[in-house]
Protein backbone atom coordinates (compact mmCIF):
# COMPACT_ATOMS: atom_id res chain seq x y z
CA UNK A 1 -2.42 -7.78 -10.68
CA UNK A 2 -1.14 -7.74 -7.19
CA UNK A 3 -3.02 -11.02 -6.50
CA UNK A 4 -1.09 -12.91 -9.20
CA UNK A 5 1.32 -15.81 -7.95
CA UNK A 6 4.21 -16.91 -10.40
CA UNK A 7 4.12 -20.49 -10.90
CA UNK A 8 6.34 -22.76 -12.76
CA UNK A 9 4.85 -23.64 -16.26
CA UNK A 10 2.45 -20.76 -16.00
CA UNK A 11 1.81 -19.13 -19.43
CA UNK A 12 4.30 -16.28 -20.25
CA UNK A 13 3.23 -12.77 -19.78
CA UNK A 14 5.05 -9.69 -21.44
CA UNK A 15 7.01 -8.15 -18.63
CA UNK A 16 8.72 -5.00 -18.12
CA UNK A 17 12.06 -4.24 -16.29
CA UNK A 18 12.45 -1.80 -13.37
CA UNK A 19 15.89 -1.11 -11.83
CA UNK A 20 16.14 -0.15 -8.20
CA UNK A 21 19.96 0.55 -7.67
CA UNK A 22 21.59 -2.98 -8.11
CA UNK A 23 18.09 -4.92 -8.15
CA UNK A 24 16.31 -5.48 -11.18
CA UNK A 25 12.44 -6.50 -10.89
CA UNK A 26 10.98 -7.99 -13.79
CA UNK A 27 6.80 -7.69 -13.62
CA UNK A 28 3.88 -7.53 -15.82
CA UNK A 29 3.29 -4.26 -17.47
CA UNK A 30 0.29 -2.36 -16.03
CA UNK A 31 -2.92 -2.16 -17.96
CA UNK A 32 -3.99 1.09 -19.65
CA UNK A 33 -6.81 1.41 -17.17
CA UNK A 34 -4.54 1.20 -14.15
CA UNK A 35 -1.96 3.78 -15.59
CA UNK A 36 -4.88 6.15 -16.48
CA UNK A 37 -6.07 5.85 -12.63
CA UNK A 38 -2.46 6.37 -11.40
CA UNK A 39 -2.05 9.61 -13.55
CA UNK A 40 -5.34 10.83 -12.11
CA UNK A 41 -4.44 9.94 -8.65
CA UNK A 42 -1.34 11.64 -8.89
CA UNK A 43 -2.45 14.69 -10.63
CA UNK A 44 -5.04 15.08 -7.60
CA UNK A 45 -2.36 14.75 -5.24
CA UNK A 46 -0.08 17.25 -6.85
CA UNK A 47 -2.94 19.84 -6.94
CA UNK A 48 -3.50 19.30 -3.17
CA UNK A 49 0.33 19.78 -2.19
CA UNK A 50 0.57 22.78 -4.77
CA UNK A 51 -2.08 24.54 -2.72
CA UNK A 52 -0.30 24.19 0.50
CA UNK A 53 2.94 25.12 -0.95
CA UNK A 54 1.99 28.19 -2.74
CA UNK A 55 1.66 30.30 0.13
CA UNK A 56 3.69 33.32 1.16
CA UNK A 57 6.31 32.17 3.53
CA UNK A 58 6.65 28.66 2.47
CA UNK A 59 10.42 28.09 1.45
CA UNK A 60 11.76 24.93 -0.36
CA UNK A 61 15.39 24.08 0.16
């Protein structure tokens, strides 16, 4: 999806809004496949960091 360019007169696509502070960004909603891929990647990253943080002597502040 990042390879698309918004052009005047282009076909309308359902968008979702995301707000970052005072800026609102409208973009096409991600596909189900992209969401599933992101969930899998983030779960793997969380497992890696959990292994490193779950050691004696590690203190989160």
